[in-house]
């Protein structure tokens, strides 16, 4: 149910922020920031007690959210299968030998100019011990 309330809130915010048409009259109400904050607090307090007042609406809302989640999962599965089919069409050799698309894409072989450093080249340069800050203060 919270998901639906958040969704409604953000859709309202987006609808408010969308640019309006030039033909519609624009009103400029005088609302201070403190009035807006108190109205928002009252709205949130009212939403928290909504399920206590309307348990049927909360039950139906949670069932609708579950159904939407199931539809989203089914849609994601369809997209995944569609993309796998498209990849299989691109690489018919792997598909013909294994019966399915490859799980990973092989990397091209390295060029001769790559990976020419020896382990000695990769070792960091030696740096002597750093002088201690305490030793300088003790010498004075």
N, C-alpha and C. Protein backbone atom coordinates (compact mmCIF):
# COMPACT_ATOMS: atom_id res chain seq x y z
N UNK A 1 0.81 -1.18 0.00
CA UNK A 1 0.00 0.00 0.00
C UNK A 1 0.86 1.25 0.00
N UNK A 2 1.99 1.19 0.74
CA UNK A 2 2.89 2.34 0.74
C UNK A 2 3.41 2.62 -0.65
N UNK A 3 3.66 1.55 -1.41
CA UNK A 3 4.14 1.72 -2.78
C UNK A 3 3.15 2.55 -3.59
N UNK A 4 1.87 2.24 -3.46
CA UNK A 4 0.86 2.97 -4.21
C UNK A 4 0.80 4.43 -3.79
N UNK A 5 0.92 4.67 -2.49
CA UNK A 5 0.89 6.05 -2.01
C UNK A 5 2.11 6.82 -2.50
N UNK A 6 3.27 6.19 -2.45
CA UNK A 6 4.48 6.86 -2.96
C UNK A 6 4.38 7.10 -4.45
N UNK A 7 3.87 6.12 -5.17
CA UNK A 7 3.71 6.27 -6.61
C UNK A 7 2.77 7.44 -6.93
N UNK A 8 1.67 7.51 -6.21
CA UNK A 8 0.72 8.61 -6.43
C UNK A 8 1.36 9.95 -6.11
N UNK A 9 2.14 9.99 -5.03
CA UNK A 9 2.81 11.23 -4.66
C UNK A 9 3.77 11.70 -5.75
N UNK A 10 4.64 10.79 -6.21
CA UNK A 10 5.64 11.19 -7.21
C UNK A 10 5.00 11.51 -8.56
N UNK A 11 3.94 10.80 -8.91
CA UNK A 11 3.25 11.16 -10.15
C UNK A 11 2.62 12.55 -10.05
N UNK A 12 2.12 12.88 -8.87
CA UNK A 12 1.57 14.22 -8.66
C UNK A 12 2.66 15.27 -8.76
N UNK A 13 3.81 15.00 -8.17
CA UNK A 13 4.93 15.94 -8.25
C UNK A 13 5.36 16.14 -9.70
N UNK A 14 5.45 15.05 -10.45
CA UNK A 14 5.84 15.16 -11.85
C UNK A 14 4.80 15.93 -12.64
N UNK A 15 3.54 15.66 -12.38
CA UNK A 15 2.47 16.38 -13.09
C UNK A 15 2.51 17.87 -12.79
N UNK A 16 2.86 18.22 -11.57
CA UNK A 16 2.96 19.63 -11.20
C UNK A 16 4.13 20.30 -11.90
N UNK A 17 5.24 19.57 -12.02
CA UNK A 17 6.44 20.15 -12.60
C UNK A 17 6.44 20.19 -14.12
N UNK A 18 5.54 19.46 -14.76
CA UNK A 18 5.48 19.50 -16.22
C UNK A 18 5.08 20.89 -16.68
N UNK A 19 5.67 21.33 -17.79
CA UNK A 19 5.30 22.67 -18.27
C UNK A 19 3.84 22.69 -18.72
N UNK A 20 3.17 23.81 -18.42
CA UNK A 20 1.76 23.94 -18.78
C UNK A 20 1.59 24.51 -20.17
N UNK A 21 0.37 24.47 -20.65
CA UNK A 21 0.06 25.05 -21.95
C UNK A 21 -0.11 26.55 -21.79
N UNK A 22 0.17 27.28 -22.85
CA UNK A 22 0.09 28.73 -22.81
C UNK A 22 -1.31 29.26 -22.70
N UNK A 23 -2.31 28.48 -23.12
CA UNK A 23 -3.68 28.97 -23.13
C UNK A 23 -4.36 28.90 -21.77
N UNK A 24 -3.79 28.11 -20.84
CA UNK A 24 -4.40 27.97 -19.53
C UNK A 24 -4.01 29.13 -18.63
N UNK A 25 -4.96 29.69 -17.88
CA UNK A 25 -4.60 30.77 -16.97
C UNK A 25 -3.76 30.23 -15.82
N UNK A 26 -2.79 31.00 -15.40
CA UNK A 26 -1.88 30.59 -14.33
C UNK A 26 -2.26 31.34 -13.07
N UNK A 27 -2.49 30.60 -11.98
CA UNK A 27 -2.80 31.24 -10.71
C UNK A 27 -1.55 31.28 -9.86
N UNK A 28 -1.41 32.30 -9.07
CA UNK A 28 -0.26 32.46 -8.19
C UNK A 28 -0.75 32.60 -6.75
N UNK A 29 -1.07 31.48 -6.08
CA UNK A 29 -1.55 31.60 -4.70
C UNK A 29 -0.42 32.01 -3.77
N UNK A 30 -0.78 32.69 -2.72
CA UNK A 30 0.18 33.14 -1.71
C UNK A 30 0.24 32.09 -0.60
N UNK A 31 1.20 31.16 -0.68
CA UNK A 31 1.36 30.11 0.32
C UNK A 31 2.79 30.19 0.84
N UNK A 32 2.91 30.27 2.15
CA UNK A 32 4.26 30.32 2.73
C UNK A 32 4.82 28.92 2.88
N UNK A 33 6.12 28.84 3.11
CA UNK A 33 6.78 27.55 3.27
C UNK A 33 6.28 26.83 4.52
N UNK A 34 6.02 27.57 5.58
CA UNK A 34 5.54 26.92 6.81
C UNK A 34 4.14 26.35 6.63
N UNK A 35 3.28 27.05 5.88
CA UNK A 35 1.94 26.52 5.61
C UNK A 35 2.03 25.25 4.78
N UNK A 36 2.93 25.25 3.80
CA UNK A 36 3.10 24.07 2.95
C UNK A 36 3.64 22.90 3.77
N UNK A 37 4.58 23.15 4.67
CA UNK A 37 5.13 22.08 5.51
C UNK A 37 4.07 21.52 6.46
N UNK A 38 3.26 22.38 7.04
CA UNK A 38 2.23 21.88 7.95
C UNK A 38 1.18 21.07 7.19
N UNK A 39 0.86 21.48 5.98
CA UNK A 39 -0.09 20.71 5.17
C UNK A 39 0.51 19.36 4.79
N UNK A 40 1.79 19.32 4.48
CA UNK A 40 2.44 18.05 4.14
C UNK A 40 2.47 17.13 5.34
N UNK A 41 2.77 17.67 6.54
CA UNK A 41 2.78 16.84 7.75
C UNK A 41 1.40 16.27 8.03
N UNK A 42 0.37 17.08 7.86
CA UNK A 42 -0.99 16.60 8.10
C UNK A 42 -1.36 15.51 7.10
N UNK A 43 -0.93 15.66 5.85
CA UNK A 43 -1.22 14.65 4.84
C UNK A 43 -0.53 13.33 5.16
N UNK A 44 0.74 13.39 5.57
CA UNK A 44 1.47 12.17 5.93
C UNK A 44 0.82 11.51 7.14
N UNK A 45 0.44 12.29 8.14
CA UNK A 45 -0.23 11.73 9.31
C UNK A 45 -1.54 11.05 8.94
N UNK A 46 -2.26 11.64 8.01
CA UNK A 46 -3.52 11.05 7.56
C UNK A 46 -3.27 9.76 6.78
N UNK A 47 -2.22 9.73 5.97
CA UNK A 47 -1.92 8.52 5.19
C UNK A 47 -1.52 7.36 6.10
N UNK A 48 -0.85 7.66 7.20
CA UNK A 48 -0.43 6.60 8.12
C UNK A 48 -1.63 5.88 8.73
N UNK A 49 -2.74 6.57 8.92
CA UNK A 49 -3.92 5.98 9.54
C UNK A 49 -4.95 5.53 8.52
N UNK A 50 -4.59 5.58 7.23
CA UNK A 50 -5.54 5.21 6.19
C UNK A 50 -5.96 3.75 6.30
N UNK A 51 -5.01 2.85 6.53
CA UNK A 51 -5.33 1.42 6.59
C UNK A 51 -6.16 1.08 7.81
N UNK A 52 -6.04 1.88 8.87
CA UNK A 52 -6.90 1.67 10.04
C UNK A 52 -8.35 2.02 9.72
N UNK A 53 -8.54 3.08 8.95
CA UNK A 53 -9.90 3.52 8.60
C UNK A 53 -10.50 2.72 7.46
N UNK A 54 -9.67 2.32 6.49
CA UNK A 54 -10.15 1.63 5.28
C UNK A 54 -9.37 0.33 5.06
N UNK A 55 -9.59 -0.70 5.87
CA UNK A 55 -8.83 -1.95 5.71
C UNK A 55 -9.12 -2.64 4.38
N UNK A 56 -10.35 -2.49 3.85
CA UNK A 56 -10.65 -3.12 2.57
C UNK A 56 -9.81 -2.51 1.45
N UNK A 57 -9.68 -1.19 1.49
CA UNK A 57 -8.89 -0.51 0.46
C UNK A 57 -7.42 -0.94 0.54
N UNK A 58 -6.91 -1.12 1.73
CA UNK A 58 -5.52 -1.57 1.89
C UNK A 58 -5.35 -2.99 1.35
N UNK A 59 -6.32 -3.85 1.62
CA UNK A 59 -6.25 -5.23 1.13
C UNK A 59 -6.27 -5.26 -0.39
N UNK A 60 -7.19 -4.52 -0.98
CA UNK A 60 -7.27 -4.47 -2.44
C UNK A 60 -6.01 -3.84 -3.03
N UNK A 61 -5.50 -2.81 -2.39
CA UNK A 61 -4.28 -2.16 -2.87
C UNK A 61 -3.08 -3.08 -2.82
N UNK A 62 -2.95 -3.86 -1.75
CA UNK A 62 -1.82 -4.79 -1.67
C UNK A 62 -1.95 -5.91 -2.70
N UNK A 63 -3.18 -6.37 -2.95
CA UNK A 63 -3.38 -7.38 -3.98
C UNK A 63 -3.06 -6.82 -5.37
N UNK A 64 -3.45 -5.56 -5.59
CA UNK A 64 -3.14 -4.93 -6.88
C UNK A 64 -1.63 -4.77 -7.05
N UNK A 65 -0.95 -4.40 -5.98
CA UNK A 65 0.51 -4.25 -6.05
C UNK A 65 1.16 -5.60 -6.33
N UNK A 66 0.65 -6.67 -5.73
CA UNK A 66 1.19 -8.01 -5.99
C UNK A 66 0.95 -8.41 -7.44
N UNK A 67 -0.24 -8.12 -7.95
CA UNK A 67 -0.54 -8.44 -9.35
C UNK A 67 0.36 -7.65 -10.29
N UNK A 68 0.59 -6.37 -9.99
CA UNK A 68 1.49 -5.56 -10.82
C UNK A 68 2.92 -6.10 -10.77
N UNK A 69 3.34 -6.53 -9.59
CA UNK A 69 4.67 -7.12 -9.46
C UNK A 69 4.81 -8.39 -10.29
N UNK A 70 3.77 -9.23 -10.26
CA UNK A 70 3.79 -10.45 -11.07
C UNK A 70 3.84 -10.13 -12.55
N UNK A 71 3.08 -9.12 -12.96
CA UNK A 71 3.11 -8.71 -14.37
C UNK A 71 4.47 -8.18 -14.76
N UNK A 72 5.10 -7.43 -13.85
CA UNK A 72 6.43 -6.89 -14.14
C UNK A 72 7.44 -8.02 -14.28
N UNK A 73 7.34 -9.04 -13.43
CA UNK A 73 8.23 -10.20 -13.54
C UNK A 73 8.03 -10.93 -14.86
N UNK A 74 6.77 -11.12 -15.24
CA UNK A 74 6.47 -11.81 -16.50
C UNK A 74 6.99 -10.99 -17.68
N UNK A 75 6.83 -9.67 -17.63
CA UNK A 75 7.33 -8.82 -18.71
C UNK A 75 8.85 -8.86 -18.79
N UNK A 76 9.52 -8.85 -17.64
CA UNK A 76 10.98 -8.94 -17.63
C UNK A 76 11.45 -10.27 -18.20
N UNK A 77 10.71 -11.35 -17.88
CA UNK A 77 11.07 -12.67 -18.41
C UNK A 77 10.92 -12.69 -19.93
N UNK A 78 9.84 -12.08 -20.44
CA UNK A 78 9.64 -12.04 -21.89
C UNK A 78 10.75 -11.25 -22.57
N UNK A 79 11.14 -10.13 -21.98
CA UNK A 79 12.23 -9.33 -22.56
C UNK A 79 13.53 -10.13 -22.54
N UNK A 80 13.80 -10.83 -21.44
CA UNK A 80 15.01 -11.64 -21.33
C UNK A 80 15.03 -12.73 -22.41
N UNK A 81 13.91 -13.42 -22.59
CA UNK A 81 13.85 -14.47 -23.61
C UNK A 81 13.98 -13.89 -25.01
N UNK A 82 13.39 -12.74 -25.26
CA UNK A 82 13.50 -12.09 -26.56
C UNK A 82 14.96 -11.73 -26.86
N UNK A 83 15.64 -11.16 -25.88
CA UNK A 83 17.04 -10.80 -26.09
C UNK A 83 17.92 -12.03 -26.29
N UNK A 84 17.64 -13.10 -25.57
CA UNK A 84 18.40 -14.33 -25.77
C UNK A 84 18.21 -14.87 -27.18
N UNK A 85 16.99 -14.80 -27.70
CA UNK A 85 16.74 -15.26 -29.07
C UNK A 85 17.50 -14.41 -30.08
N UNK A 86 17.54 -13.10 -29.85
CA UNK A 86 18.26 -12.20 -30.76
C UNK A 86 19.76 -12.48 -30.73
N UNK A 87 20.29 -12.76 -29.56
CA UNK A 87 21.72 -13.10 -29.45
C UNK A 87 21.99 -14.41 -30.15
N UNK A 88 21.07 -15.37 -29.99
CA UNK A 88 21.25 -16.68 -30.64
C UNK A 88 21.23 -16.54 -32.15
N UNK A 89 20.44 -15.61 -32.68
CA UNK A 89 20.40 -15.40 -34.13
C UNK A 89 21.71 -14.82 -34.63
N UNK A 90 22.39 -14.04 -33.83
CA UNK A 90 23.67 -13.45 -34.23
C UNK A 90 24.79 -14.47 -34.26
N UNK A 91 24.77 -15.45 -33.37
CA UNK A 91 25.86 -16.42 -33.24
C UNK A 91 25.33 -17.83 -33.51
N UNK A 92 25.10 -18.18 -34.78
CA UNK A 92 24.51 -19.49 -35.07
C UNK A 92 25.45 -20.66 -34.80
N UNK A 93 26.76 -20.47 -34.81
CA UNK A 93 27.69 -21.58 -34.57
C UNK A 93 27.56 -22.08 -33.14
N UNK A 94 27.58 -21.19 -32.18
CA UNK A 94 27.45 -21.60 -30.78
C UNK A 94 26.07 -22.18 -30.51
N UNK A 95 25.06 -21.60 -31.11
CA UNK A 95 23.71 -22.10 -30.91
C UNK A 95 23.55 -23.49 -31.48
N UNK A 96 24.16 -23.76 -32.65
CA UNK A 96 24.04 -25.07 -33.28
C UNK A 96 24.76 -26.15 -32.48
N UNK A 97 25.91 -25.83 -31.87
CA UNK A 97 26.66 -26.84 -31.13
C UNK A 97 26.12 -27.09 -29.75
N UNK A 98 25.67 -26.04 -29.06
CA UNK A 98 25.20 -26.21 -27.68
C UNK A 98 23.69 -26.20 -27.56
N UNK A 99 23.00 -25.65 -28.54
CA UNK A 99 21.56 -25.57 -28.47
C UNK A 99 21.06 -24.35 -27.72
N UNK A 100 21.97 -23.51 -27.26
CA UNK A 100 21.58 -22.29 -26.55
C UNK A 100 22.62 -21.21 -26.80
N UNK A 101 22.27 -20.00 -26.44
CA UNK A 101 23.19 -18.88 -26.68
C UNK A 101 24.33 -18.93 -25.67
N UNK A 102 25.48 -18.33 -25.99
CA UNK A 102 26.61 -18.38 -25.07
C UNK A 102 26.33 -17.56 -23.82
N UNK A 103 26.88 -18.03 -22.69
CA UNK A 103 26.67 -17.33 -21.44
C UNK A 103 27.61 -16.12 -21.33
N UNK A 104 28.80 -16.24 -21.88
CA UNK A 104 29.75 -15.13 -21.83
C UNK A 104 30.28 -14.87 -23.23
N UNK A 105 30.73 -13.67 -23.43
CA UNK A 105 31.31 -13.28 -24.71
C UNK A 105 32.82 -13.43 -24.59
N UNK A 106 33.46 -14.22 -25.49
CA UNK A 106 34.90 -14.41 -25.38
C UNK A 106 35.64 -13.11 -25.71
N UNK A 107 36.77 -12.89 -25.03
CA UNK A 107 37.59 -11.73 -25.28
C UNK A 107 38.50 -11.97 -26.48
N UNK A 108 38.82 -10.93 -27.23
CA UNK A 108 39.73 -11.13 -28.35
C UNK A 108 41.14 -11.42 -27.84
N UNK A 109 41.96 -12.09 -28.64
CA UNK A 109 43.33 -12.38 -28.18
C UNK A 109 44.11 -11.07 -28.02
N UNK A 110 45.05 -11.03 -27.08
CA UNK A 110 45.81 -9.79 -26.87
C UNK A 110 46.71 -9.49 -28.06
N UNK A 111 46.90 -8.21 -28.30
CA UNK A 111 47.79 -7.80 -29.38
C UNK A 111 49.23 -8.02 -28.94
N UNK A 112 50.17 -8.18 -29.87
CA UNK A 112 51.56 -8.45 -29.50
C UNK A 112 52.19 -7.34 -28.64
N UNK A 113 51.75 -6.11 -28.79
CA UNK A 113 52.35 -5.02 -28.02
C UNK A 113 51.83 -4.96 -26.59
N UNK A 114 50.82 -5.74 -26.26
CA UNK A 114 50.28 -5.73 -24.91
C UNK A 114 50.94 -6.79 -24.04
N UNK A 115 50.92 -6.57 -22.76
CA UNK A 115 51.41 -7.53 -21.76
C UNK A 115 52.90 -7.83 -21.96
N UNK A 116 53.70 -6.80 -22.17
CA UNK A 116 55.13 -7.01 -22.39
C UNK A 116 55.97 -6.68 -21.16
N UNK A 117 55.37 -6.22 -20.08
CA UNK A 117 56.13 -5.89 -18.88
C UNK A 117 56.51 -7.16 -18.13
N UNK A 118 57.71 -7.16 -17.59
CA UNK A 118 58.16 -8.29 -16.80
C UNK A 118 57.76 -8.06 -15.35
N UNK A 119 57.85 -9.10 -14.50
CA UNK A 119 57.52 -8.89 -13.08
C UNK A 119 58.41 -7.84 -12.42
N UNK A 120 59.65 -7.71 -12.87
CA UNK A 120 60.54 -6.68 -12.32
C UNK A 120 60.03 -5.29 -12.68
N UNK A 121 59.52 -5.14 -13.91
CA UNK A 121 58.96 -3.85 -14.32
C UNK A 121 57.73 -3.49 -13.50
N UNK A 122 56.97 -4.48 -13.10
CA UNK A 122 55.73 -4.23 -12.37
C UNK A 122 55.96 -3.96 -10.89
N UNK A 123 57.13 -4.34 -10.36
CA UNK A 123 57.41 -4.13 -8.93
C UNK A 123 57.56 -2.64 -8.65
N UNK A 124 57.02 -2.16 -7.53
CA UNK A 124 57.15 -0.73 -7.22
C UNK A 124 58.59 -0.37 -6.89
N UNK A 125 58.96 0.85 -7.14
CA UNK A 125 60.31 1.33 -6.84
C UNK A 125 60.50 1.35 -5.33
N UNK A 126 61.74 1.08 -4.90
CA UNK A 126 62.03 1.07 -3.47
C UNK A 126 62.10 2.49 -2.97
N UNK A 127 61.48 2.71 -1.84
CA UNK A 127 61.55 4.00 -1.18
C UNK A 127 62.04 3.76 0.23
N UNK A 128 63.01 4.54 0.62
CA UNK A 128 63.57 4.39 1.96
C UNK A 128 62.55 4.74 3.02
N UNK A 129 62.85 4.40 4.26
CA UNK A 129 61.91 4.71 5.34
C UNK A 129 61.75 6.22 5.49
N UNK A 130 60.57 6.62 5.79
CA UNK A 130 60.28 8.04 5.97
C UNK A 130 60.74 8.46 7.36
N UNK A 131 61.31 9.67 7.47
CA UNK A 131 61.73 10.11 8.80
C UNK A 131 60.51 10.28 9.71
N UNK A 132 60.68 9.92 10.94
CA UNK A 132 59.59 10.02 11.90
C UNK A 132 59.43 11.46 12.34
N UNK A 133 58.21 11.86 12.53
CA UNK A 133 57.94 13.22 12.98
C UNK A 133 58.40 13.42 14.41
N UNK A 134 58.37 12.36 15.22
CA UNK A 134 58.78 12.46 16.61
C UNK A 134 60.30 12.72 16.72
N UNK A 135 61.10 12.13 15.82
CA UNK A 135 62.54 12.27 15.86
C UNK A 135 62.93 13.73 15.63
N UNK A 136 62.25 14.43 14.76
CA UNK A 136 62.57 15.83 14.48
C UNK A 136 62.27 16.69 15.68
N UNK A 137 61.17 16.44 16.37
CA UNK A 137 60.80 17.22 17.54
C UNK A 137 61.73 16.94 18.70
N UNK A 138 62.23 15.70 18.83
CA UNK A 138 63.12 15.32 19.93
C UNK A 138 64.50 15.93 19.74
N UNK A 139 64.93 16.14 18.49
CA UNK A 139 66.26 16.70 18.22
C UNK A 139 66.33 18.15 18.63
N UNK A 140 65.26 18.85 18.64
CA UNK A 140 65.26 20.30 18.99
C UNK A 140 65.24 20.47 20.44
